[in-house]
Amino acid sequence: AMLCVAAKVSHLAKLPQGRIEAKARARNMVARMDELGFGGCTNTGACEAECPKSISISHIARLNREYLVAKFSE
């Protein structure tokens, strides 16, 4: 699930119109993942290897970056 959420956050963060709510989006999506009990990425690449949509693990890095920026700019 983290890979899919990360891909969505990454995709929207690249769009100019997506930057307006980027910080709130990253905080809210990570909070919802935590609330639903999804675990974090272990960085082994297993999710990338099994992903039927071939989503790159690099999106998780972008999600983490977006989340940290949002968290420390509160």
Protein backbone atom coordinates (compact mmCIF):
# COMPACT_ATOMS: atom_id res chain seq x y z
CA ALA A 1 0.00 0.00 0.00
CA MET A 2 2.83 2.41 0.72
CA LEU A 3 4.08 2.05 -2.83
CA CYS A 4 0.68 3.05 -4.26
CA VAL A 5 0.28 5.98 -1.87
CA ALA A 6 3.83 7.09 -2.60
CA ALA A 7 3.21 6.96 -6.34
CA LYS A 8 0.11 9.14 -5.97
CA VAL A 9 1.86 11.70 -3.76
CA SER A 10 4.85 11.72 -6.10
CA HIS A 11 2.66 12.15 -9.18
CA LEU A 12 0.69 15.04 -7.71
CA ALA A 13 3.81 16.72 -6.31
CA LYS A 14 5.23 17.00 -9.83
CA LEU A 15 2.23 18.94 -11.13
CA PRO A 16 2.26 22.73 -10.65
CA GLN A 17 -1.34 22.73 -9.45
CA GLY A 18 -0.50 19.90 -7.03
CA ARG A 19 2.08 22.00 -5.16
CA ILE A 20 -0.56 24.16 -3.49
CA GLU A 21 -1.75 21.42 -1.17
CA ALA A 22 1.37 19.23 -1.30
CA LYS A 23 2.24 19.57 2.39
CA ALA A 24 -1.26 18.86 3.64
CA ARG A 25 -1.61 15.97 1.19
CA ALA A 26 1.61 14.29 2.33
CA ARG A 27 0.71 14.69 6.02
CA ASN A 28 -2.86 13.46 5.53
CA MET A 29 -1.98 10.47 3.36
CA VAL A 30 0.76 9.26 5.70
CA ALA A 31 -1.53 9.76 8.70
CA ARG A 32 -4.27 7.74 7.00
CA MET A 33 -1.82 4.95 6.12
CA ASP A 34 -0.74 4.83 9.76
CA GLU A 35 -4.35 4.87 10.94
CA LEU A 36 -5.18 1.89 8.70
CA GLY A 37 -2.15 -0.03 9.94
CA PHE A 38 -0.05 -0.11 6.79
CA GLY A 39 3.62 -0.54 7.54
CA GLY A 40 6.47 1.52 6.25
CA CYS A 41 8.84 0.60 3.49
CA THR A 42 11.70 -1.75 4.38
CA ASN A 43 13.72 -0.62 1.33
CA THR A 44 14.34 -4.21 0.23
CA GLY A 45 12.68 -3.58 -3.11
CA ALA A 46 10.30 -6.55 -2.75
CA CYS A 47 7.25 -4.37 -3.35
CA GLU A 48 8.79 -2.97 -6.54
CA ALA A 49 9.56 -6.47 -7.81
CA GLU A 50 6.00 -7.69 -7.14
CA CYS A 51 4.13 -4.57 -8.24
CA PRO A 52 1.81 -5.34 -11.16
CA LYS A 53 2.01 -1.69 -12.27
CA SER A 54 5.85 -1.59 -12.13
CA ILE A 55 5.84 1.35 -9.72
CA SER A 56 9.39 2.33 -8.79
CA ILE A 57 10.53 2.40 -5.18
CA SER A 58 11.91 5.89 -5.89
CA HIS A 59 8.36 7.18 -5.32
CA ILE A 60 8.67 6.15 -1.67
CA ALA A 61 11.76 8.33 -1.38
CA ARG A 62 9.80 11.25 -2.82
CA LEU A 63 6.91 10.58 -0.40
CA ASN A 64 9.35 10.57 2.52
CA ARG A 65 10.90 13.82 1.29
CA GLU A 66 7.47 15.47 0.83
CA TYR A 67 6.37 14.27 4.27
CA LEU A 68 9.50 15.52 6.04
CA VAL A 69 9.23 18.93 4.39
CA ALA A 70 5.57 19.12 5.41
CA LYS A 71 6.23 17.94 8.94
CA PHE A 72 9.04 20.39 9.65
CA SER A 73 7.27 23.38 8.10
CA GLU A 74 4.27 23.18 10.44
